[in-house]
């Protein structure tokens, strides 16, 4: 079946040049590893999470990344300023964590008006036949979409616990479910393409989640997904980090 929901063999296409990388969290599930360093700097198979994510974005054509910082922010800034393969800008949340939506809104002036990649720092994958971010770029259609999420099928990754996730129709439109009684076939891997204007109806300051925006876009038919054929690894706690390292020891990400 054609359409955004399938990961086809695609040639590289032009995509967003700017990314918002959400890296300000406390990483409480990663303790004791995060007692002295931010979660984003935890090494997985010898390379920090944040660098693995930025490497993927650079491969996809990103030249500019806006990274929000809070926990051990000085360490984050010092580390990222050593990179010379893309421009790094910082959105400072030292005063208070702003959650996903508030973090994007705080960085709004740095992001510009064009669609951007949105990325979490605890999501890694081993590529399949089609590079995951190439499938994401190829599926992006700004005429129909305000947010396109990269999805993984249940059973094709580490860290897809519980029933919560997404259903997807034949056109790629998503329905988000949090019901404990309904098992969903897809999970959001923490990467997507979004129009920054999608949050313009939300508060201009303060902490808030991106979930209300998901629900509004779902109701408007402008929330879409595309499935990766990669093997996904959610690195959310020390055990998951160990499992990811075991996978990466056999096949590099």
C-alpha atoms as a PDB file:
ATOM      1  CA  UNK A   1       0.000   0.000   0.000  1.00  0.00           C
ATOM      2  CA  UNK A   2       1.306   3.439  -0.911  1.00  0.00           C
ATOM      3  CA  UNK A   3       1.101   6.508   1.306  1.00  0.00           C
ATOM      4  CA  UNK A   4       2.792   8.038   4.355  1.00  0.00           C
ATOM      5  CA  UNK A   5       2.271   5.023   6.573  1.00  0.00           C
ATOM      6  CA  UNK A   6       4.766   2.866   4.710  1.00  0.00           C
ATOM      7  CA  UNK A   7       8.539   3.144   4.760  1.00  0.00           C
ATOM      8  CA  UNK A   8       9.443   2.888   1.085  1.00  0.00           C
ATOM      9  CA  UNK A   9      12.868   2.699  -0.511  1.00  0.00           C
ATOM     10  CA  UNK A  10      13.363   6.409  -1.075  1.00  0.00           C
ATOM     11  CA  UNK A  11      16.177   8.499  -2.451  1.00  0.00           C
ATOM     12  CA  UNK A  12      17.343  11.424  -0.344  1.00  0.00           C
ATOM     13  CA  UNK A  13      14.976  14.360  -0.583  1.00  0.00           C
ATOM     14  CA  UNK A  14      15.232  17.883   0.741  1.00  0.00           C
ATOM     15  CA  UNK A  15      13.949  18.194   4.271  1.00  0.00           C
ATOM     16  CA  UNK A  16      14.127  20.618   7.194  1.00  0.00           C
ATOM     17  CA  UNK A  17      17.488  22.235   7.814  1.00  0.00           C
ATOM     18  CA  UNK A  18      16.690  23.106  11.439  1.00  0.00           C
ATOM     19  CA  UNK A  19      15.967  20.725  14.305  1.00  0.00           C
ATOM     20  CA  UNK A  20      14.651  21.207  17.829  1.00  0.00           C
ATOM     21  CA  UNK A  21      16.320  18.694  20.148  1.00  0.00           C
ATOM     22  CA  UNK A  22      14.546  18.230  23.486  1.00  0.00           C
ATOM     23  CA  UNK A  23      17.367  17.587  25.949  1.00  0.00           C
ATOM     24  CA  UNK A  24      16.439  19.471  29.139  1.00  0.00           C
ATOM     25  CA  UNK A  25      14.899  16.669  31.186  1.00  0.00           C
ATOM     26  CA  UNK A  26      16.155  15.546  34.596  1.00  0.00           C
ATOM     27  CA  UNK A  27      16.545  11.914  33.519  1.00  0.00           C
ATOM     28  CA  UNK A  28      15.215  10.604  36.831  1.00  0.00           C
ATOM     29  CA  UNK A  29      14.673   7.090  35.436  1.00  0.00           C
ATOM     30  CA  UNK A  30      18.369   7.027  34.513  1.00  0.00           C
ATOM     31  CA  UNK A  31      19.601   7.491  38.077  1.00  0.00           C
ATOM     32  CA  UNK A  32      22.219   6.952  39.389  1.00  0.00           C
ATOM     33  CA  UNK A  33      23.802   7.686  35.990  1.00  0.00           C
ATOM     34  CA  UNK A  34      22.269  11.166  35.934  1.00  0.00           C
ATOM     35  CA  UNK A  35      23.448  12.129  39.408  1.00  0.00           C
ATOM     36  CA  UNK A  36      26.555  13.747  37.928  1.00  0.00           C
ATOM     37  CA  UNK A  37      25.848  14.229  34.208  1.00  0.00           C
ATOM     38  CA  UNK A  38      22.789  15.099  32.109  1.00  0.00           C
ATOM     39  CA  UNK A  39      20.924  12.238  30.474  1.00  0.00           C
ATOM     40  CA  UNK A  40      21.878  13.539  27.041  1.00  0.00           C
ATOM     41  CA  UNK A  41      25.579  12.951  27.780  1.00  0.00           C
ATOM     42  CA  UNK A  42      25.198   9.347  28.929  1.00  0.00           C
ATOM     43  CA  UNK A  43      27.343   7.228  26.601  1.00  0.00           C
ATOM     44  CA  UNK A  44      25.786   4.342  24.702  1.00  0.00           C
ATOM     45  CA  UNK A  45      28.394   2.054  23.128  1.00  0.00           C
ATOM     46  CA  UNK A  46      30.986   4.785  23.574  1.00  0.00           C
ATOM     47  CA  UNK A  47      29.070   7.781  22.177  1.00  0.00           C
ATOM     48  CA  UNK A  48      26.776  10.167  24.104  1.00  0.00           C
ATOM     49  CA  UNK A  49      23.065  10.007  23.374  1.00  0.00           C
ATOM     50  CA  UNK A  50      22.939  13.614  22.180  1.00  0.00           C
ATOM     51  CA  UNK A  51      25.716  13.018  19.653  1.00  0.00           C
ATOM     52  CA  UNK A  52      24.052   9.897  18.275  1.00  0.00           C
ATOM     53  CA  UNK A  53      20.875  11.917  17.729  1.00  0.00           C
ATOM     54  CA  UNK A  54      22.712  14.855  16.173  1.00  0.00           C
ATOM     55  CA  UNK A  55      24.652  12.470  13.918  1.00  0.00           C
ATOM     56  CA  UNK A  56      21.350  11.171  12.514  1.00  0.00           C
ATOM     57  CA  UNK A  57      20.076  14.701  11.963  1.00  0.00           C
ATOM     58  CA  UNK A  58      23.260  15.789  10.186  1.00  0.00           C
ATOM     59  CA  UNK A  59      23.029  12.732   7.913  1.00  0.00           C
ATOM     60  CA  UNK A  60      19.482  13.859   7.071  1.00  0.00           C
ATOM     61  CA  UNK A  61      20.701  17.315   6.022  1.00  0.00           C
ATOM     62  CA  UNK A  62      20.228  19.348   9.199  1.00  0.00           C
ATOM     63  CA  UNK A  63      22.649  22.270   9.470  1.00  0.00           C
ATOM     64  CA  UNK A  64      21.258  23.963  12.581  1.00  0.00           C
ATOM     65  CA  UNK A  65      20.075  22.476  15.873  1.00  0.00           C
ATOM     66  CA  UNK A  66      18.344  24.257  18.742  1.00  0.00           C
ATOM     67  CA  UNK A  67      18.944  22.318  21.966  1.00  0.00           C
ATOM     68  CA  UNK A  68      17.134  23.112  25.204  1.00  0.00           C
ATOM     69  CA  UNK A  69      19.205  22.745  28.388  1.00  0.00           C
ATOM     70  CA  UNK A  70      18.419  22.572  32.105  1.00  0.00           C
ATOM     71  CA  UNK A  71      19.971  19.682  34.058  1.00  0.00           C
ATOM     72  CA  UNK A  72      23.778  20.233  34.196  1.00  0.00           C
ATOM     73  CA  UNK A  73      23.312  22.843  31.478  1.00  0.00           C
ATOM     74  CA  UNK A  74      26.929  24.022  31.624  1.00  0.00           C
ATOM     75  CA  UNK A  75      28.142  20.502  30.824  1.00  0.00           C
ATOM     76  CA  UNK A  76      25.759  20.300  27.885  1.00  0.00           C
ATOM     77  CA  UNK A  77      26.851  23.606  26.419  1.00  0.00           C
ATOM     78  CA  UNK A  78      30.563  22.870  26.818  1.00  0.00           C
ATOM     79  CA  UNK A  79      30.185  19.483  25.155  1.00  0.00           C
ATOM     80  CA  UNK A  80      28.059  20.611  22.220  1.00  0.00           C
ATOM     81  CA  UNK A  81      30.223  23.628  21.422  1.00  0.00           C
ATOM     82  CA  UNK A  82      32.964  21.143  20.441  1.00  0.00           C
ATOM     83  CA  UNK A  83      30.905  20.024  17.407  1.00  0.00           C
ATOM     84  CA  UNK A  84      31.810  21.732  14.140  1.00  0.00           C
ATOM     85  CA  UNK A  85      29.527  19.881  11.699  1.00  0.00           C
ATOM     86  CA  UNK A  86      26.432  21.996  12.394  1.00  0.00           C
ATOM     87  CA  UNK A  87      25.399  25.201  14.126  1.00  0.00           C
ATOM     88  CA  UNK A  88      24.238  24.673  17.702  1.00  0.00           C
ATOM     89  CA  UNK A  89      21.951  27.181  19.434  1.00  0.00           C
ATOM     90  CA  UNK A  90      20.840  26.825  23.053  1.00  0.00           C
ATOM     91  CA  UNK A  91      17.417  27.460  24.528  1.00  0.00           C
ATOM     92  CA  UNK A  92      18.093  28.113  28.209  1.00  0.00           C
ATOM     93  CA  UNK A  93      15.688  26.480  30.673  1.00  0.00           C
ATOM     94  CA  UNK A  94      17.961  26.739  33.700  1.00  0.00           C
ATOM     95  CA  UNK A  95      15.312  28.669  35.641  1.00  0.00           C
ATOM     96  CA  UNK A  96      12.590  26.056  35.181  1.00  0.00           C
ATOM     97  CA  UNK A  97      11.716  23.026  33.072  1.00  0.00           C
ATOM     98  CA  UNK A  98       9.064  23.843  30.484  1.00  0.00           C
ATOM     99  CA  UNK A  99       7.916  20.361  29.323  1.00  0.00           C
ATOM    100  CA  UNK A 100       7.744  19.457  25.629  1.00  0.00           C
ATOM    101  CA  UNK A 101       5.351  22.133  24.369  1.00  0.00           C
ATOM    102  CA  UNK A 102       6.728  24.882  26.578  1.00  0.00           C
ATOM    103  CA  UNK A 103      10.269  24.010  25.529  1.00  0.00           C
ATOM    104  CA  UNK A 104       9.447  24.347  21.852  1.00  0.00           C
ATOM    105  CA  UNK A 105       7.563  27.588  22.503  1.00  0.00           C
ATOM    106  CA  UNK A 106      10.512  29.029  24.479  1.00  0.00           C
ATOM    107  CA  UNK A 107      12.755  28.361  21.476  1.00  0.00           C
ATOM    108  CA  UNK A 108      10.248  29.726  18.960  1.00  0.00           C
ATOM    109  CA  UNK A 109      12.333  32.766  18.054  1.00  0.00           C
ATOM    110  CA  UNK A 110      15.324  30.541  17.229  1.00  0.00           C
ATOM    111  CA  UNK A 111      13.407  28.045  15.110  1.00  0.00           C
ATOM    112  CA  UNK A 112      12.157  30.273  12.297  1.00  0.00           C
ATOM    113  CA  UNK A 113       8.971  29.773  10.306  1.00  0.00           C
ATOM    114  CA  UNK A 114       9.834  26.757   8.175  1.00  0.00           C
ATOM    115  CA  UNK A 115       9.043  23.163   9.221  1.00  0.00           C
ATOM    116  CA  UNK A 116      11.601  21.640  11.587  1.00  0.00           C
ATOM    117  CA  UNK A 117      12.699  18.232  12.790  1.00  0.00           C
ATOM    118  CA  UNK A 118      11.643  17.520  16.366  1.00  0.00           C
ATOM    119  CA  UNK A 119      13.846  15.034  18.233  1.00  0.00           C
ATOM    120  CA  UNK A 120      14.175  13.435  21.667  1.00  0.00           C
ATOM    121  CA  UNK A 121      17.631  12.433  22.868  1.00  0.00           C
ATOM    122  CA  UNK A 122      16.722   8.967  24.184  1.00  0.00           C
ATOM    123  CA  UNK A 123      15.719   7.422  20.848  1.00  0.00           C
ATOM    124  CA  UNK A 124      18.213   5.330  18.854  1.00  0.00           C
ATOM    125  CA  UNK A 125      17.754   2.836  16.057  1.00  0.00           C
ATOM    126  CA  UNK A 126      19.543   0.386  13.796  1.00  0.00           C
ATOM    127  CA  UNK A 127      18.627   1.272  10.225  1.00  0.00           C
ATOM    128  CA  UNK A 128      16.638  -1.025   7.983  1.00  0.00           C
ATOM    129  CA  UNK A 129      16.436  -0.908   4.189  1.00  0.00           C
ATOM    130  CA  UNK A 130      15.393   2.759   4.207  1.00  0.00           C
ATOM    131  CA  UNK A 131      17.061   5.333   6.485  1.00  0.00           C
ATOM    132  CA  UNK A 132      14.341   6.316   8.942  1.00  0.00           C
ATOM    133  CA  UNK A 133      14.722  10.078   8.548  1.00  0.00           C
ATOM    134  CA  UNK A 134      14.717   9.748   4.755  1.00  0.00           C
ATOM    135  CA  UNK A 135      11.349   7.973   5.016  1.00  0.00           C
ATOM    136  CA  UNK A 136      10.152  10.769   7.302  1.00  0.00           C
ATOM    137  CA  UNK A 137      11.247  13.480   4.828  1.00  0.00           C
ATOM    138  CA  UNK A 138       9.724  11.661   1.866  1.00  0.00           C
ATOM    139  CA  UNK A 139       6.352  11.335   3.614  1.00  0.00           C
ATOM    140  CA  UNK A 140       6.161  14.982   4.714  1.00  0.00           C
ATOM    141  CA  UNK A 141       3.405  16.911   2.929  1.00  0.00           C
ATOM    142  CA  UNK A 142       2.879  20.407   4.377  1.00  0.00           C
ATOM    143  CA  UNK A 143      -0.360  20.849   2.432  1.00  0.00           C
ATOM    144  CA  UNK A 144      -1.993  18.065   4.467  1.00  0.00           C
ATOM    145  CA  UNK A 145       0.087  17.899   7.638  1.00  0.00           C
ATOM    146  CA  UNK A 146       1.111  20.095  10.543  1.00  0.00           C
ATOM    147  CA  UNK A 147       2.884  17.262  12.384  1.00  0.00           C
ATOM    148  CA  UNK A 148       4.288  14.011  11.005  1.00  0.00           C
ATOM    149  CA  UNK A 149       5.514  11.479  13.575  1.00  0.00           C
ATOM    150  CA  UNK A 150       8.040   8.714  13.006  1.00  0.00           C
ATOM    151  CA  UNK A 151       6.520   5.458  14.261  1.00  0.00           C
ATOM    152  CA  UNK A 152       7.691   1.942  15.058  1.00  0.00           C
ATOM    153  CA  UNK A 153       5.556  -1.186  14.886  1.00  0.00           C
ATOM    154  CA  UNK A 154       4.952  -3.090  18.109  1.00  0.00           C
ATOM    155  CA  UNK A 155       7.496  -5.857  18.549  1.00  0.00           C
ATOM    156  CA  UNK A 156      10.142  -4.095  16.448  1.00  0.00           C
ATOM    157  CA  UNK A 157      12.028  -2.323  19.189  1.00  0.00           C
ATOM    158  CA  UNK A 158      13.047  -2.008  22.821  1.00  0.00           C
ATOM    159  CA  UNK A 159      10.981   0.223  25.097  1.00  0.00           C
ATOM    160  CA  UNK A 160       7.459  -0.046  23.647  1.00  0.00           C
ATOM    161  CA  UNK A 161       5.818  -0.939  26.969  1.00  0.00           C
ATOM    162  CA  UNK A 162       2.116  -0.819  27.688  1.00  0.00           C
ATOM    163  CA  UNK A 163      -0.819  -0.475  25.318  1.00  0.00           C
ATOM    164  CA  UNK A 164      -0.585   3.286  24.705  1.00  0.00           C
ATOM    165  CA  UNK A 165       0.325   4.468  21.229  1.00  0.00           C
ATOM    166  CA  UNK A 166      -1.253   5.129  17.857  1.00  0.00           C
ATOM    167  CA  UNK A 167      -3.626   3.761  15.295  1.00  0.00           C
ATOM    168  CA  UNK A 168      -3.079   4.816  11.674  1.00  0.00           C
ATOM    169  CA  UNK A 169      -5.530   4.842   8.775  1.00  0.00           C
ATOM    170  CA  UNK A 170      -4.773   4.032   5.123  1.00  0.00           C
ATOM    171  CA  UNK A 171      -3.800   7.655   4.426  1.00  0.00           C
ATOM    172  CA  UNK A 172      -1.423   7.844   7.370  1.00  0.00           C
ATOM    173  CA  UNK A 173      -3.649   9.906   9.687  1.00  0.00           C
ATOM    174  CA  UNK A 174      -3.126   9.098  13.343  1.00  0.00           C
ATOM    175  CA  UNK A 175      -5.369   8.477  16.317  1.00  0.00           C
ATOM    176  CA  UNK A 176      -3.635   8.596  19.696  1.00  0.00           C
ATOM    177  CA  UNK A 177      -4.873   6.186  22.344  1.00  0.00           C
ATOM    178  CA  UNK A 178      -4.089   6.152  26.058  1.00  0.00           C
ATOM    179  CA  UNK A 179      -6.656   3.492  26.931  1.00  0.00           C
ATOM    180  CA  UNK A 180      -5.257   0.721  29.160  1.00  0.00           C
ATOM    181  CA  UNK A 181      -7.695  -1.719  27.561  1.00  0.00           C
ATOM    182  CA  UNK A 182      -6.752  -1.206  23.903  1.00  0.00           C
ATOM    183  CA  UNK A 183      -3.412  -2.365  22.494  1.00  0.00           C
ATOM    184  CA  UNK A 184      -2.148  -0.056  19.758  1.00  0.00           C
ATOM    185  CA  UNK A 185       0.034  -1.216  16.840  1.00  0.00           C
ATOM    186  CA  UNK A 186       2.419   1.779  16.675  1.00  0.00           C
ATOM    187  CA  UNK A 187       4.518   3.915  19.018  1.00  0.00           C
ATOM    188  CA  UNK A 188       6.001   7.368  18.513  1.00  0.00           C
ATOM    189  CA  UNK A 189       9.795   7.068  18.559  1.00  0.00           C
ATOM    190  CA  UNK A 190      10.339  10.689  19.544  1.00  0.00           C
ATOM    191  CA  UNK A 191      11.182  12.094  16.095  1.00  0.00           C
ATOM    192  CA  UNK A 192       8.980  14.017  13.711  1.00  0.00           C
ATOM    193  CA  UNK A 193       8.556  17.016  11.440  1.00  0.00           C
ATOM    194  CA  UNK A 194       6.409  19.873  12.714  1.00  0.00           C
ATOM    195  CA  UNK A 195       5.387  23.329  11.627  1.00  0.00           C
ATOM    196  CA  UNK A 196       6.419  25.672  14.481  1.00  0.00           C
ATOM    197  CA  UNK A 197       3.128  27.525  13.967  1.00  0.00           C
ATOM    198  CA  UNK A 198       1.277  24.411  15.197  1.00  0.00           C
ATOM    199  CA  UNK A 199       1.794  25.635  18.770  1.00  0.00           C
ATOM    200  CA  UNK A 200       0.711  29.217  18.148  1.00  0.00           C
ATOM    201  CA  UNK A 201      -2.596  28.602  19.952  1.00  0.00           C
ATOM    202  CA  UNK A 202      -0.758  27.522  23.122  1.00  0.00           C
ATOM    203  CA  UNK A 203       0.606  29.726  25.947  1.00  0.00           C
ATOM    204  CA  UNK A 204       3.491  31.969  24.953  1.00  0.00           C
ATOM    205  CA  UNK A 205       5.387  31.179  28.165  1.00  0.00           C
ATOM    206  CA  UNK A 206       5.472  28.603  30.932  1.00  0.00           C
ATOM    207  CA  UNK A 207       5.446  24.829  31.097  1.00  0.00           C
ATOM    208  CA  UNK A 208       2.985  22.769  29.071  1.00  0.00           C
ATOM    209  CA  UNK A 209       2.838  19.483  27.196  1.00  0.00           C
ATOM    210  CA  UNK A 210       2.642  19.041  23.430  1.00  0.00           C
ATOM    211  CA  UNK A 211      -0.196  16.501  23.887  1.00  0.00           C
ATOM    212  CA  UNK A 212      -3.029  19.071  23.585  1.00  0.00           C
ATOM    213  CA  UNK A 213      -1.562  20.019  20.196  1.00  0.00           C
ATOM    214  CA  UNK A 214      -1.563  16.343  19.179  1.00  0.00           C
ATOM    215  CA  UNK A 215      -5.234  16.093  20.101  1.00  0.00           C
ATOM    216  CA  UNK A 216      -6.195  19.254  18.209  1.00  0.00           C
ATOM    217  CA  UNK A 217      -4.294  18.219  15.089  1.00  0.00           C
ATOM    218  CA  UNK A 218      -5.831  14.744  15.295  1.00  0.00           C
ATOM    219  CA  UNK A 219      -9.310  16.304  15.383  1.00  0.00           C
ATOM    220  CA  UNK A 220      -8.416  18.493  12.387  1.00  0.00           C
ATOM    221  CA  UNK A 221      -7.025  15.530  10.421  1.00  0.00           C
ATOM    222  CA  UNK A 222      -3.534  17.058  10.282  1.00  0.00           C
ATOM    223  CA  UNK A 223      -1.644  14.602  12.523  1.00  0.00           C
ATOM    224  CA  UNK A 224       0.105  11.944  10.426  1.00  0.00           C
ATOM    225  CA  UNK A 225       2.630   9.162  10.841  1.00  0.00           C
ATOM    226  CA  UNK A 226       5.140   7.173   8.840  1.00  0.00           C
ATOM    227  CA  UNK A 227       6.507   3.797   9.914  1.00  0.00           C
ATOM    228  CA  UNK A 228      10.252   3.144  10.153  1.00  0.00           C
ATOM    229  CA  UNK A 229      11.671  -0.209   9.161  1.00  0.00           C
ATOM    230  CA  UNK A 230      14.553   0.289  11.577  1.00  0.00           C
ATOM    231  CA  UNK A 231      14.926  -1.501  14.914  1.00  0.00           C
ATOM    232  CA  UNK A 232      14.153   1.105  17.570  1.00  0.00           C
ATOM    233  CA  UNK A 233      15.724   1.436  21.024  1.00  0.00           C
ATOM    234  CA  UNK A 234      14.194   3.682  23.676  1.00  0.00           C
ATOM    235  CA  UNK A 235      17.062   4.376  26.091  1.00  0.00           C
ATOM    236  CA  UNK A 236      15.018   5.410  29.119  1.00  0.00           C
ATOM    237  CA  UNK A 237      16.781   3.717  32.053  1.00  0.00           C
ATOM    238  CA  UNK A 238      20.072   1.933  32.831  1.00  0.00           C
ATOM    239  CA  UNK A 239      18.694  -1.479  31.835  1.00  0.00           C
ATOM    240  CA  UNK A 240      17.564  -0.100  28.480  1.00  0.00           C
ATOM    241  CA  UNK A 241      20.982   1.479  28.008  1.00  0.00           C
ATOM    242  CA  UNK A 242      22.593  -1.924  28.613  1.00  0.00           C
ATOM    243  CA  UNK A 243      20.202  -3.568  26.142  1.00  0.00           C
ATOM    244  CA  UNK A 244      20.958  -0.933  23.511  1.00  0.00           C
ATOM    245  CA  UNK A 245      24.697  -1.387  23.999  1.00  0.00           C
ATOM    246  CA  UNK A 246      24.304  -5.126  23.518  1.00  0.00           C
ATOM    247  CA  UNK A 247      22.468  -4.508  20.230  1.00  0.00           C
ATOM    248  CA  UNK A 248      24.960  -1.924  19.036  1.00  0.00           C
ATOM    249  CA  UNK A 249      27.875  -4.183  19.887  1.00  0.00           C
ATOM    250  CA  UNK A 250      26.759  -6.428  17.041  1.00  0.00           C
ATOM    251  CA  UNK A 251      25.498  -3.758  14.609  1.00  0.00           C
ATOM    252  CA  UNK A 252      26.464  -0.078  14.649  1.00  0.00           C
ATOM    253  CA  UNK A 253      23.664   2.485  14.743  1.00  0.00           C
END
